[in-house]
Every structure is written in C-alpha cells, then in structure tokens.
C-alpha atoms as a PDB file:
ATOM      1  CA  MET A   1      -4.423   0.836  27.982  1.00  0.00           C
ATOM      2  CA  ASN A   2      -7.703   2.791  28.016  1.00  0.00           C
ATOM      3  CA  GLU A   3      -5.759   6.003  28.221  1.00  0.00           C
ATOM      4  CA  ILE A   4      -3.691   5.029  25.159  1.00  0.00           C
ATOM      5  CA  ILE A   5      -6.842   4.194  23.250  1.00  0.00           C
ATOM      6  CA  LYS A   6      -8.404   7.556  24.258  1.00  0.00           C
ATOM      7  CA  ASN A   7      -5.335   9.557  23.300  1.00  0.00           C
ATOM      8  CA  LEU A   8      -4.857   7.660  20.025  1.00  0.00           C
ATOM      9  CA  LYS A   9      -8.375   8.489  18.944  1.00  0.00           C
ATOM     10  CA  LYS A  10      -7.859  12.137  19.909  1.00  0.00           C
ATOM     11  CA  VAL A  11      -4.531  12.569  18.058  1.00  0.00           C
ATOM     12  CA  LEU A  12      -5.951  10.931  14.920  1.00  0.00           C
ATOM     13  CA  SER A  13      -9.172  12.902  15.056  1.00  0.00           C
ATOM     14  CA  ASP A  14      -7.395  16.234  15.698  1.00  0.00           C
ATOM     15  CA  THR A  15      -4.986  15.579  12.877  1.00  0.00           C
ATOM     16  CA  MET A  16      -7.666  14.632  10.370  1.00  0.00           C
ATOM     17  CA  GLU A  17      -9.997  17.429  11.301  1.00  0.00           C
ATOM     18  CA  ARG A  18      -7.198  19.924  10.638  1.00  0.00           C
ATOM     19  CA  SER A  19      -6.633  18.387   7.248  1.00  0.00           C
ATOM     20  CA  SER A  20      -8.163  19.860   4.112  1.00  0.00           C
ATOM     21  CA  TYR A  21      -8.979  16.590   2.328  1.00  0.00           C
ATOM     22  CA  LYS A  22     -12.371  16.386   0.729  1.00  0.00           C
ATOM     23  CA  SER A  23     -11.881  13.151  -1.210  1.00  0.00           C
ATOM     24  CA  LEU A  24     -10.537   9.746  -0.332  1.00  0.00           C
ATOM     25  CA  LEU A  25      -9.105   6.645  -1.996  1.00  0.00           C
ATOM     26  CA  PHE A  26     -11.690   4.435  -0.346  1.00  0.00           C
ATOM     27  CA  SER A  27     -11.135   0.663  -0.152  1.00  0.00           C
ATOM     28  CA  GLY A  28     -13.635   0.192   2.713  1.00  0.00           C
ATOM     29  CA  GLY A  29     -10.755  -1.308   4.765  1.00  0.00           C
ATOM     30  CA  LEU A  30     -10.033  -0.219   8.335  1.00  0.00           C
ATOM     31  CA  ASP A  31      -7.717   2.698   7.560  1.00  0.00           C
ATOM     32  CA  THR A  32      -9.794   4.454   4.971  1.00  0.00           C
ATOM     33  CA  SER A  33     -12.958   3.766   6.925  1.00  0.00           C
ATOM     34  CA  ILE A  34     -11.439   5.675   9.876  1.00  0.00           C
ATOM     35  CA  LEU A  35     -10.589   8.554   7.561  1.00  0.00           C
ATOM     36  CA  ALA A  36     -14.160   8.543   6.239  1.00  0.00           C
ATOM     37  CA  VAL A  37     -15.905   8.364   9.591  1.00  0.00           C
ATOM     38  CA  ILE A  38     -13.920  11.316  10.972  1.00  0.00           C
ATOM     39  CA  LYS A  39     -14.703  13.443   7.900  1.00  0.00           C
ATOM     40  CA  PRO A  40     -17.924  11.926   6.580  1.00  0.00           C
ATOM     41  CA  LYS A  41     -18.556  14.548   3.896  1.00  0.00           C
ATOM     42  CA  VAL A  42     -15.662  13.274   1.754  1.00  0.00           C
ATOM     43  CA  ILE A  43     -16.008  11.912  -1.736  1.00  0.00           C
ATOM     44  CA  GLY A  44     -14.975   8.263  -1.771  1.00  0.00           C
ATOM     45  CA  ILE A  45     -13.283   6.622  -4.779  1.00  0.00           C
ATOM     46  CA  THR A  46     -13.047   2.825  -5.110  1.00  0.00           C
ATOM     47  CA  VAL A  47     -11.315   0.837  -7.839  1.00  0.00           C
ATOM     48  CA  ASN A  48     -11.720  -2.818  -8.729  1.00  0.00           C
ATOM     49  CA  LEU A  49     -10.897  -5.185 -11.601  1.00  0.00           C
ATOM     50  CA  GLU A  50     -14.110  -6.115 -13.408  1.00  0.00           C
ATOM     51  CA  SER A  51     -16.249  -7.893 -10.775  1.00  0.00           C
ATOM     52  CA  GLU A  52     -13.398  -9.047  -8.576  1.00  0.00           C
ATOM     53  CA  GLY A  53     -12.422  -8.252  -4.994  1.00  0.00           C
ATOM     54  CA  GLU A  54     -14.154  -7.422  -1.691  1.00  0.00           C
ATOM     55  CA  ASP A  55     -13.348  -3.685  -1.590  1.00  0.00           C
ATOM     56  CA  ILE A  56     -16.394  -2.650  -3.551  1.00  0.00           C
ATOM     57  CA  HIS A  57     -18.686  -4.539  -1.137  1.00  0.00           C
ATOM     58  CA  TYR A  58     -17.129  -2.961   1.972  1.00  0.00           C
ATOM     59  CA  SER A  59     -16.864   0.530   0.507  1.00  0.00           C
ATOM     60  CA  ARG A  60     -20.441   0.570  -0.754  1.00  0.00           C
ATOM     61  CA  SER A  61     -21.705  -0.684   2.626  1.00  0.00           C
ATOM     62  CA  LEU A  62     -19.840   2.023   4.534  1.00  0.00           C
ATOM     63  CA  ALA A  63     -20.721   4.750   2.002  1.00  0.00           C
ATOM     64  CA  ARG A  64     -24.387   3.993   2.659  1.00  0.00           C
ATOM     65  CA  PHE A  65     -23.815   3.921   6.426  1.00  0.00           C
ATOM     66  CA  LEU A  66     -22.068   7.299   6.401  1.00  0.00           C
ATOM     67  CA  ASP A  67     -24.140   8.751   3.533  1.00  0.00           C
ATOM     68  CA  ILE A  68     -21.069   9.875   1.555  1.00  0.00           C
ATOM     69  CA  GLU A  69     -20.786  10.459  -2.160  1.00  0.00           C
ATOM     70  CA  HIS A  70     -19.140   7.402  -3.688  1.00  0.00           C
ATOM     71  CA  PHE A  71     -17.617   6.840  -7.117  1.00  0.00           C
ATOM     72  CA  HIS A  72     -16.614   3.456  -8.448  1.00  0.00           C
ATOM     73  CA  ARG A  73     -14.046   2.834 -11.215  1.00  0.00           C
ATOM     74  CA  LYS A  74     -14.350  -0.602 -12.740  1.00  0.00           C
ATOM     75  CA  VAL A  75     -11.268  -1.553 -14.729  1.00  0.00           C
ATOM     76  CA  ASP A  76     -11.176  -4.391 -17.300  1.00  0.00           C
ATOM     77  CA  VAL A  77      -8.214  -6.656 -17.797  1.00  0.00           C
ATOM     78  CA  GLU A  78      -7.186  -5.246 -21.138  1.00  0.00           C
ATOM     79  CA  GLU A  79      -6.972  -1.590 -19.954  1.00  0.00           C
ATOM     80  CA  ALA A  80      -5.107  -2.691 -16.813  1.00  0.00           C
ATOM     81  CA  ILE A  81      -2.503  -4.510 -18.907  1.00  0.00           C
ATOM     82  CA  GLU A  82      -2.236  -1.538 -21.311  1.00  0.00           C
ATOM     83  CA  CYS A  83      -1.626   0.805 -18.345  1.00  0.00           C
ATOM     84  CA  ILE A  84       1.359  -1.145 -16.961  1.00  0.00           C
ATOM     85  CA  PRO A  85       4.052   0.622 -19.085  1.00  0.00           C
ATOM     86  CA  LYS A  86       2.743   3.995 -18.003  1.00  0.00           C
ATOM     87  CA  VAL A  87       2.827   2.990 -14.341  1.00  0.00           C
ATOM     88  CA  ILE A  88       6.352   1.584 -14.641  1.00  0.00           C
ATOM     89  CA  LYS A  89       7.519   4.766 -16.380  1.00  0.00           C
ATOM     90  CA  ILE A  90       6.058   6.989 -13.668  1.00  0.00           C
ATOM     91  CA  LEU A  91       7.421   4.916 -10.763  1.00  0.00           C
ATOM     92  CA  ARG A  92      10.683   4.006 -12.555  1.00  0.00           C
ATOM     93  CA  SER A  93      10.327   0.572 -11.043  1.00  0.00           C
ATOM     94  CA  PHE A  94       9.558  -3.056 -11.896  1.00  0.00           C
ATOM     95  CA  ASP A  95       8.700  -3.950  -8.339  1.00  0.00           C
ATOM     96  CA  PRO A  96       6.252  -6.940  -8.344  1.00  0.00           C
ATOM     97  CA  ALA A  97       3.763  -4.758  -6.439  1.00  0.00           C
ATOM     98  CA  ILE A  98       2.547  -3.314  -9.773  1.00  0.00           C
ATOM     99  CA  PRO A  99      -1.044  -4.705  -9.319  1.00  0.00           C
ATOM    100  CA  ASN A 100      -1.333  -2.608  -6.142  1.00  0.00           C
ATOM    101  CA  ASP A 101       0.039   0.448  -8.035  1.00  0.00           C
ATOM    102  CA  LEU A 102      -2.578   0.019 -10.772  1.00  0.00           C
ATOM    103  CA  VAL A 103      -5.336   0.538  -8.195  1.00  0.00           C
ATOM    104  CA  LEU A 104      -3.736   3.821  -7.083  1.00  0.00           C
ATOM    105  CA  TYR A 105      -3.238   4.965 -10.677  1.00  0.00           C
ATOM    106  CA  PHE A 106      -6.806   4.385 -11.743  1.00  0.00           C
ATOM    107  CA  GLY A 107      -8.163   5.889  -8.517  1.00  0.00           C
ATOM    108  CA  LEU A 108      -6.183   9.081  -8.908  1.00  0.00           C
ATOM    109  CA  GLU A 109      -7.005   9.229 -12.620  1.00  0.00           C
ATOM    110  CA  LEU A 110     -10.723   9.220 -11.737  1.00  0.00           C
ATOM    111  CA  ALA A 111     -10.125  11.912  -9.055  1.00  0.00           C
ATOM    112  CA  LYS A 112      -8.407  14.017 -11.750  1.00  0.00           C
ATOM    113  CA  ASN A 113     -11.316  13.487 -14.149  1.00  0.00           C
ATOM    114  CA  LEU A 114     -13.739  14.574 -11.404  1.00  0.00           C
ATOM    115  CA  GLY A 115     -11.839  17.821 -11.022  1.00  0.00           C
ATOM    116  CA  LEU A 116     -10.435  16.972  -7.594  1.00  0.00           C
ATOM    117  CA  ASP A 117      -7.040  18.468  -6.738  1.00  0.00           C
ATOM    118  CA  GLU A 118      -6.376  16.663  -3.452  1.00  0.00           C
ATOM    119  CA  ILE A 119      -7.120  13.259  -2.046  1.00  0.00           C
ATOM    120  CA  ALA A 120      -6.386  11.358   1.174  1.00  0.00           C
ATOM    121  CA  THR A 121      -4.947   7.843   1.474  1.00  0.00           C
ATOM    122  CA  GLY A 122      -4.435   5.402   4.316  1.00  0.00           C
ATOM    123  CA  ASP A 123      -0.684   5.276   3.658  1.00  0.00           C
ATOM    124  CA  GLY A 124       1.460   4.469   6.685  1.00  0.00           C
ATOM    125  CA  SER A 125      -1.161   2.827   8.915  1.00  0.00           C
ATOM    126  CA  ASP A 126      -0.066  -0.729   8.268  1.00  0.00           C
ATOM    127  CA  GLU A 127       3.583   0.168   8.805  1.00  0.00           C
ATOM    128  CA  LEU A 128       3.010   2.054  12.033  1.00  0.00           C
ATOM    129  CA  PHE A 129       0.319  -0.134  13.618  1.00  0.00           C
ATOM    130  CA  GLY A 130       1.431  -3.630  12.669  1.00  0.00           C
ATOM    131  CA  GLY A 131      -1.036  -4.281   9.878  1.00  0.00           C
ATOM    132  CA  TYR A 132       0.975  -6.674   7.692  1.00  0.00           C
ATOM    133  CA  SER A 133       0.696 -10.422   8.315  1.00  0.00           C
ATOM    134  CA  PHE A 134       4.441 -10.970   8.356  1.00  0.00           C
ATOM    135  CA  MET A 135       4.829  -8.558  11.285  1.00  0.00           C
ATOM    136  CA  LYS A 136       3.405 -11.050  13.748  1.00  0.00           C
ATOM    137  CA  ASP A 137       6.532 -13.175  13.227  1.00  0.00           C
ATOM    138  CA  ILE A 138       8.957 -10.364  13.945  1.00  0.00           C
ATOM    139  CA  ASP A 139      10.435 -10.739  17.442  1.00  0.00           C
ATOM    140  CA  ASP A 140      11.656  -7.136  17.828  1.00  0.00           C
ATOM    141  CA  LEU A 141       8.623  -5.496  16.208  1.00  0.00           C
ATOM    142  CA  GLU A 142       9.048  -2.144  17.996  1.00  0.00           C
ATOM    143  CA  ASN A 143      12.556  -1.657  16.632  1.00  0.00           C
ATOM    144  CA  TYR A 144      11.465  -2.848  13.194  1.00  0.00           C
ATOM    145  CA  ILE A 145       8.667  -0.266  13.079  1.00  0.00           C
ATOM    146  CA  GLN A 146      11.033   2.418  14.319  1.00  0.00           C
ATOM    147  CA  ARG A 147      13.437   1.574  11.479  1.00  0.00           C
ATOM    148  CA  ILE A 148      10.974   1.481   8.614  1.00  0.00           C
ATOM    149  CA  SER A 149       9.224   4.669   9.834  1.00  0.00           C
ATOM    150  CA  LYS A 150      12.334   6.591   8.862  1.00  0.00           C
ATOM    151  CA  GLU A 151      12.254   5.568   5.223  1.00  0.00           C
ATOM    152  CA  MET A 152       8.619   5.010   4.293  1.00  0.00           C
ATOM    153  CA  SER A 153       7.648   6.047   0.768  1.00  0.00           C
ATOM    154  CA  PHE A 154       4.530   5.379  -1.260  1.00  0.00           C
ATOM    155  CA  SER A 155       3.600   5.118  -4.898  1.00  0.00           C
ATOM    156  CA  SER A 156       0.644   7.472  -4.352  1.00  0.00           C
ATOM    157  CA  ASN A 157       3.093  10.358  -3.994  1.00  0.00           C
ATOM    158  CA  CYS A 158       4.671   9.661  -7.408  1.00  0.00           C
ATOM    159  CA  PHE A 159       1.223   9.375  -9.065  1.00  0.00           C
ATOM    160  CA  GLY A 160       0.015  12.489  -7.305  1.00  0.00           C
ATOM    161  CA  LYS A 161       3.010  14.478  -8.564  1.00  0.00           C
ATOM    162  CA  PHE A 162       2.487  13.187 -12.101  1.00  0.00           C
ATOM    163  CA  MET A 163      -1.252  14.036 -12.078  1.00  0.00           C
ATOM    164  CA  GLU A 164      -0.820  17.281 -10.129  1.00  0.00           C
ATOM    165  CA  ILE A 165      -3.016  16.035  -7.288  1.00  0.00           C
ATOM    166  CA  LYS A 166      -2.057  16.756  -3.665  1.00  0.00           C
ATOM    167  CA  ILE A 167      -1.743  13.504  -1.740  1.00  0.00           C
ATOM    168  CA  ILE A 168      -2.752  13.826   1.932  1.00  0.00           C
ATOM    169  CA  GLN A 169      -1.571  11.053   4.296  1.00  0.00           C
ATOM    170  CA  PRO A 170      -3.067  11.635   7.741  1.00  0.00           C
ATOM    171  CA  PHE A 171      -1.356   8.597   9.257  1.00  0.00           C
ATOM    172  CA  MET A 172       1.979  10.113   8.212  1.00  0.00           C
ATOM    173  CA  ASP A 173       1.365  13.307  10.147  1.00  0.00           C
ATOM    174  CA  ARG A 174       4.213  13.883  12.599  1.00  0.00           C
ATOM    175  CA  ASN A 175       1.902  13.941  15.638  1.00  0.00           C
ATOM    176  CA  VAL A 176       0.312  10.623  14.614  1.00  0.00           C
ATOM    177  CA  MET A 177       3.673   9.023  13.865  1.00  0.00           C
ATOM    178  CA  ASP A 178       5.213  10.127  17.131  1.00  0.00           C
ATOM    179  CA  PHE A 179       2.300   8.799  19.136  1.00  0.00           C
ATOM    180  CA  ALA A 180       2.144   5.524  17.165  1.00  0.00           C
ATOM    181  CA  LEU A 181       5.843   4.863  17.727  1.00  0.00           C
ATOM    182  CA  LYS A 182       5.347   5.048  21.465  1.00  0.00           C
ATOM    183  CA  ILE A 183       2.589   2.426  21.523  1.00  0.00           C
ATOM    184  CA  PRO A 184       3.901  -1.010  22.685  1.00  0.00           C
ATOM    185  CA  ALA A 185       3.958  -3.753  20.074  1.00  0.00           C
ATOM    186  CA  HIS A 186       1.670  -5.988  22.149  1.00  0.00           C
ATOM    187  CA  LEU A 187      -1.114  -3.439  21.663  1.00  0.00           C
ATOM    188  CA  LYS A 188      -0.638  -3.359  17.903  1.00  0.00           C
ATOM    189  CA  ILE A 189      -0.688  -7.112  17.281  1.00  0.00           C
ATOM    190  CA  ARG A 190      -2.913  -8.900  19.817  1.00  0.00           C
ATOM    191  CA  ARG A 191      -5.105 -11.974  20.168  1.00  0.00           C
ATOM    192  CA  TYR A 192      -8.837 -11.207  20.365  1.00  0.00           C
ATOM    193  CA  ASN A 193     -11.697 -13.663  20.042  1.00  0.00           C
ATOM    194  CA  ASP A 194      -9.277 -16.530  19.287  1.00  0.00           C
ATOM    195  CA  LYS A 195      -7.667 -14.692  16.409  1.00  0.00           C
ATOM    196  CA  VAL A 196      -4.461 -12.673  16.165  1.00  0.00           C
ATOM    197  CA  TRP A 197      -5.259  -9.158  14.883  1.00  0.00           C
ATOM    198  CA  GLY A 198      -2.949  -6.553  13.429  1.00  0.00           C
ATOM    199  CA  LYS A 199      -3.774  -2.880  14.213  1.00  0.00           C
ATOM    200  CA  TRP A 200      -5.644  -4.042  17.309  1.00  0.00           C
ATOM    201  CA  ILE A 201      -5.284  -0.733  19.150  1.00  0.00           C
ATOM    202  CA  LEU A 202      -6.540   1.176  16.052  1.00  0.00           C
ATOM    203  CA  ARG A 203      -9.566  -1.106  15.838  1.00  0.00           C
ATOM    204  CA  LYS A 204     -10.352  -0.578  19.524  1.00  0.00           C
ATOM    205  CA  ALA A 205     -10.030   3.201  19.253  1.00  0.00           C
ATOM    206  CA  PHE A 206     -12.811   3.458  16.634  1.00  0.00           C
ATOM    207  CA  GLU A 207     -15.025   0.464  17.396  1.00  0.00           C
ATOM    208  CA  ASP A 208     -17.631   2.773  18.903  1.00  0.00           C
ATOM    209  CA  VAL A 209     -18.171   4.762  15.668  1.00  0.00           C
ATOM    210  CA  LEU A 210     -17.780   2.109  12.953  1.00  0.00           C
ATOM    211  CA  PRO A 211     -19.848  -1.036  12.240  1.00  0.00           C
ATOM    212  CA  GLU A 212     -18.440  -4.215  13.716  1.00  0.00           C
ATOM    213  CA  ASN A 213     -17.975  -5.814  10.279  1.00  0.00           C
ATOM    214  CA  ILE A 214     -15.789  -2.863   9.277  1.00  0.00           C
ATOM    215  CA  ILE A 215     -13.697  -2.754  12.443  1.00  0.00           C
ATOM    216  CA  TRP A 216     -13.096  -6.523  12.657  1.00  0.00           C
ATOM    217  CA  GLN A 217     -12.594  -7.268   9.013  1.00  0.00           C
ATOM    218  CA  SER A 218      -9.432  -9.125   8.034  1.00  0.00           C
ATOM    219  CA  LYS A 219      -6.533  -7.273   6.346  1.00  0.00           C
ATOM    220  CA  ARG A 220      -6.919  -7.296   2.577  1.00  0.00           C
ATOM    221  CA  PRO A 221      -3.813  -6.409   0.536  1.00  0.00           C
ATOM    222  CA  LEU A 222      -4.838  -3.793  -2.006  1.00  0.00           C
ATOM    223  CA  GLU A 223      -4.344  -6.116  -4.942  1.00  0.00           C
ATOM    224  CA  TYR A 224      -6.702  -8.721  -3.410  1.00  0.00           C
ATOM    225  CA  GLY A 225      -9.344  -6.298  -2.236  1.00  0.00           C
ATOM    226  CA  SER A 226      -9.478  -4.733  -5.682  1.00  0.00           C
ATOM    227  CA  GLY A 227      -9.181  -8.040  -7.545  1.00  0.00           C
ATOM    228  CA  MET A 228      -6.044  -6.865  -9.333  1.00  0.00           C
ATOM    229  CA  ASN A 229      -4.225 -10.021  -8.155  1.00  0.00           C
ATOM    230  CA  LYS A 230      -6.086 -11.790 -10.967  1.00  0.00           C
ATOM    231  CA  LEU A 231      -3.743 -10.031 -13.392  1.00  0.00           C
ATOM    232  CA  ARG A 232      -0.752 -11.964 -12.153  1.00  0.00           C
ATOM    233  CA  GLN A 233      -1.636 -15.184 -13.976  1.00  0.00           C
ATOM    234  CA  VAL A 234      -2.707 -13.238 -17.077  1.00  0.00           C
ATOM    235  CA  ILE A 235       0.663 -11.520 -17.202  1.00  0.00           C
ATOM    236  CA  SER A 236       2.639 -14.714 -16.497  1.00  0.00           C
ATOM    237  CA  ASP A 237       0.914 -16.428 -19.414  1.00  0.00           C
ATOM    238  CA  LYS A 238       2.264 -13.719 -21.697  1.00  0.00           C
ATOM    239  CA  VAL A 239       5.842 -14.886 -21.113  1.00  0.00           C
ATOM    240  CA  PRO A 240       6.817 -18.171 -22.892  1.00  0.00           C
ATOM    241  CA  ASP A 241       8.610 -20.650 -20.655  1.00  0.00           C
ATOM    242  CA  GLU A 242      11.612 -20.808 -22.993  1.00  0.00           C
ATOM    243  CA  GLU A 243      12.015 -17.069 -23.032  1.00  0.00           C
ATOM    244  CA  PHE A 244      12.027 -16.949 -19.250  1.00  0.00           C
ATOM    245  CA  LYS A 245      14.469 -19.820 -18.953  1.00  0.00           C
ATOM    246  CA  GLU A 246      16.863 -18.391 -21.553  1.00  0.00           C
ATOM    247  CA  ASN A 247      16.926 -14.744 -20.354  1.00  0.00           C
ATOM    248  CA  SER A 248      20.475 -13.540 -19.897  1.00  0.00           C
ATOM    249  CA  SER A 249      19.800 -10.770 -17.421  1.00  0.00           C
ATOM    250  CA  SER A 250      21.698 -10.679 -14.149  1.00  0.00           C
ATOM    251  CA  VAL A 251      18.516  -9.603 -12.324  1.00  0.00           C
ATOM    252  CA  ARG A 252      17.050 -12.132  -9.912  1.00  0.00           C
ATOM    253  CA  PHE A 253      13.410 -12.646 -10.845  1.00  0.00           C
ATOM    254  CA  ILE A 254      10.681 -14.079  -8.620  1.00  0.00           C
ATOM    255  CA  ASN A 255       8.728 -15.450 -11.588  1.00  0.00           C
ATOM    256  CA  LYS A 256       7.681 -14.772 -15.150  1.00  0.00           C
ATOM    257  CA  GLU A 257       5.447 -11.848 -14.079  1.00  0.00           C
ATOM    258  CA  HIS A 258       8.470 -10.103 -12.536  1.00  0.00           C
ATOM    259  CA  PHE A 259      10.428 -10.693 -15.754  1.00  0.00           C
ATOM    260  CA  TYR A 260       7.529  -9.175 -17.778  1.00  0.00           C
ATOM    261  CA  TYR A 261       7.711  -5.950 -15.750  1.00  0.00           C
ATOM    262  CA  TYR A 262      11.483  -5.873 -16.180  1.00  0.00           C
ATOM    263  CA  LYS A 263      11.188  -6.101 -19.968  1.00  0.00           C
ATOM    264  CA  ILE A 264       8.888  -3.102 -19.919  1.00  0.00           C
ATOM    265  CA  TYR A 265      11.206  -1.242 -17.602  1.00  0.00           C
ATOM    266  CA  ARG A 266      14.128  -1.753 -19.999  1.00  0.00           C
ATOM    267  CA  LYS A 267      11.980  -0.457 -22.790  1.00  0.00           C
ATOM    268  CA  VAL A 268      10.561   2.683 -21.159  1.00  0.00           C
ATOM    269  CA  ILE A 269      13.416   3.486 -18.723  1.00  0.00           C
ATOM    270  CA  GLY A 270      16.568   1.590 -19.757  1.00  0.00           C
ATOM    271  CA  GLU A 271      19.338   0.151 -17.549  1.00  0.00           C
ATOM    272  CA  THR A 272      19.011   0.154 -13.762  1.00  0.00           C
ATOM    273  CA  PRO A 273      21.154   2.976 -12.195  1.00  0.00           C
ATOM    274  CA  LYS A 274      24.583   1.995 -10.899  1.00  0.00           C
ATOM    275  CA  PRO A 275      25.336   2.371  -7.183  1.00  0.00           C
ATOM    276  CA  LYS A 276      26.702   5.722  -5.984  1.00  0.00           C
ATOM    277  CA  ASP A 277      29.708   5.932  -3.700  1.00  0.00           C
ATOM    278  CA  ASP A 278      27.534   6.105  -0.542  1.00  0.00           C
ATOM    279  CA  GLU A 279      25.252   3.212  -1.644  1.00  0.00           C
ATOM    280  CA  ARG A 280      25.438  -0.562  -1.655  1.00  0.00           C
ATOM    281  CA  SER A 281      24.515  -2.705  -4.612  1.00  0.00           C
ATOM    282  CA  CYS A 282      21.059  -4.321  -4.559  1.00  0.00           C
ATOM    283  CA  PRO A 283      21.475  -8.140  -4.671  1.00  0.00           C
ATOM    284  CA  GLY A 284      18.372  -8.291  -6.807  1.00  0.00           C
ATOM    285  CA  CYS A 285      19.138  -5.980  -9.663  1.00  0.00           C
ATOM    286  CA  GLY A 286      22.505  -4.348  -8.988  1.00  0.00           C
ATOM    287  CA  THR A 287      21.200  -0.784  -8.594  1.00  0.00           C
ATOM    288  CA  GLY A 288      22.270   1.411  -5.723  1.00  0.00           C
ATOM    289  CA  ILE A 289      20.284   1.423  -2.494  1.00  0.00           C
ATOM    290  CA  LYS A 290      20.874   3.223   0.767  1.00  0.00           C
ATOM    291  CA  ARG A 291      22.922   1.299   3.258  1.00  0.00           C
ATOM    292  CA  SER A 292      20.156   1.623   5.831  1.00  0.00           C
ATOM    293  CA  SER A 293      17.377   0.604   3.441  1.00  0.00           C
ATOM    294  CA  LEU A 294      15.396  -2.603   3.702  1.00  0.00           C
ATOM    295  CA  HIS A 295      13.873  -2.382   0.254  1.00  0.00           C
ATOM    296  CA  CYS A 296      14.996  -1.746  -3.344  1.00  0.00           C
ATOM    297  CA  LYS A 297      12.479   0.579  -4.898  1.00  0.00           C
ATOM    298  CA  ILE A 298      13.447  -0.476  -8.448  1.00  0.00           C
ATOM    299  CA  CYS A 299      13.217  -4.265  -8.366  1.00  0.00           C
ATOM    300  CA  GLY A 300      11.343  -4.877  -5.116  1.00  0.00           C
ATOM    301  CA  TYR A 301      14.117  -6.768  -3.330  1.00  0.00           C
ATOM    302  CA  VAL A 302      13.515  -6.816   0.473  1.00  0.00           C
ATOM    303  CA  LEU A 303      15.964  -7.369   3.341  1.00  0.00           C
ATOM    304  CA  ASN A 304      14.810  -9.939   5.848  1.00  0.00           C
ATOM    305  CA  TRP A 305      14.809  -8.094   9.165  1.00  0.00           C
ATOM    306  CA  ARG A 306      15.347 -11.111  11.429  1.00  0.00           C
ATOM    307  CA  GLN A 307      17.807 -13.258   9.478  1.00  0.00           C
ATOM    308  CA  ASN A 308      19.749 -10.402   7.869  1.00  0.00           C
ATOM    309  CA  HIS A 309      19.575 -11.744   4.328  1.00  0.00           C
ATOM    310  CA  TYR A 310      17.690 -10.719   1.206  1.00  0.00           C
ATOM    311  CA  HIS A 311      14.597 -12.162  -0.371  1.00  0.00           C
ATOM    312  CA  LEU A 312      12.339 -10.920  -3.128  1.00  0.00           C
ATOM    313  CA  ARG A 313       8.847  -9.758  -2.223  1.00  0.00           C
ATOM    314  CA  GLY A 314       6.567 -12.628  -2.997  1.00  0.00           C
ATOM    315  CA  ASP A 315       8.959 -15.357  -1.893  1.00  0.00           C
ATOM    316  CA  LYS A 316       6.895 -16.008   1.235  1.00  0.00           C
END
C-alpha cells in the first residue's frame, strides 16, 4: 500500500508539474487543493451564491496557507436565474445539474475577464477515485469505474470552448487515469477513524503537504459548496402547481425545477434530437444515447449500475 501511495503522488505531481496551468477553479475541496499545493503560484478562482456555501471558507483558508492570489466571484440570486438560459443554450441540456454548471460558468467568466486563457479543474477525480457518496454502495466498484472512465465528459469543456479558454484537467491525463484504474477499490473507499471516506488513497498521498482540515474534509457537491443549491427552491416556486400537473410533455421530470429547465430548453434549443440508428432511446426524454452510456446528457437520466434500470438524477 505504501508503494501505491508513493507512486500515486509521483504520477500526479509529475503530470501537474508538466502542465502549463497558471489558474485554477478553486473550491478548496480535496481535488483543487491538491492542484494548488503542487503548483502554488496559481491564481485561484472561487464562486459562491451570495453568502452561502462552505467553499469560500476553505478556499480562503488554503489560499492564505499557500500564499496564492485568490479571486472571489459572489453571485446574487437574480443574476444566477438570468444566466440559466445561456447555460442551457451552451450545454444543449436541461440536466438537473444546472446549479453545478452555473458555478463553472461564472468561474470561467471571471477568468475570461481577468485575461486568463487557460484554467485547471479537478474534473475526473471523483469518478476515478471513488469520491461520490453513492459509490460506496456499488458492489463491483472497480468495473463501474472502468466503465465510466471510457465516457467521462464535463461541462467545463463546453464552457471553455464557448469562452475560448483552454480547460486543463490533470486528473484526466492518460498517465493518471491508467494508474488510478489499477488501484484496488478498497483503497479508494475505506473506513478511517470510524468514518467511510471516498478518495482515501488520494487523501493519504497528500496528507503530508496539506492541512488536516483540508485533507479530511467531507465531500461537498459543487452546488452545496458554492451555495447554488439554494436556487432549487427559488426555481421550483416559479412553476405553478397546476402548470406542472397539466404539462403534456412525454419527458419524465423529477420535479418542477426540472420542468422549468425543460421549458427553457424548448425555447432556446427546440425539440430533443431523435435517436440515430446506432443509438437507443433515452427513457427520460426520448433522445438518442449511446448503447453503452449510463447517462443522458440532455435530460440527466441515469442508468442504475447494479439493478440495470433507469432513474433520474436526484431520485435518491
């Protein structure tokens, strides 16, 4: 195990030191903290909704610890709501993960305004190292990670292309991915100090260079760390109960918020694309998805890995 930890730290450090990134979407979570500690002269950018979320606390604390230049973008509720159609148009999606995507959009917008033309993200770390809470319930985690590693895609790439900013994803480097896929699942999700931790091996690899409160912080989904989850109720309140009950769409909606995004999608994009000959129909919205895919990028429908049936993200 010690050899794995040593080699993991080396492959990550070598990859990141070769990279040209000078700025970072900086939540103060484990992944971006690792990116910052390896290249401490980066410019960190943190986004939060008004005074909500823990990210700003963690990112400011680590920025002081590493003495890095740190910019903060505070977003108010009104401008976040006004930005949703633009985000949906760029992503061509009404996936319920829009609050997460808003964080990325505003962070990259600030980077653009600062004159930055490239920025690093922690994309891929949770997928490769067992960072999501639902992963602890997957019996065959190693095969699951192998499967999703072949079709990972991230909203940051779409926003980067739109804003002409190069997105650098060190965890998605081929050397890092190859090494991560060889690490046994029991070293990714592991009990430590009476708690089950995701990304355990990643935490151990960098616990000697990062503060304990950074290494052993709990996983915060981006929408919660930024406070953007507070938008969900605001958006739901914009949809009258009767309108939601009487909608005639064949799309399966999680809730009124999902329906709200769909209405915008119809306005700025139009109908969902029909399946191609080599695709299957998404049970959520009827669009075409790859036969090997576990996720519909348009409506957010997700295939349940263990039980081989579909559910919408947010059902559990």
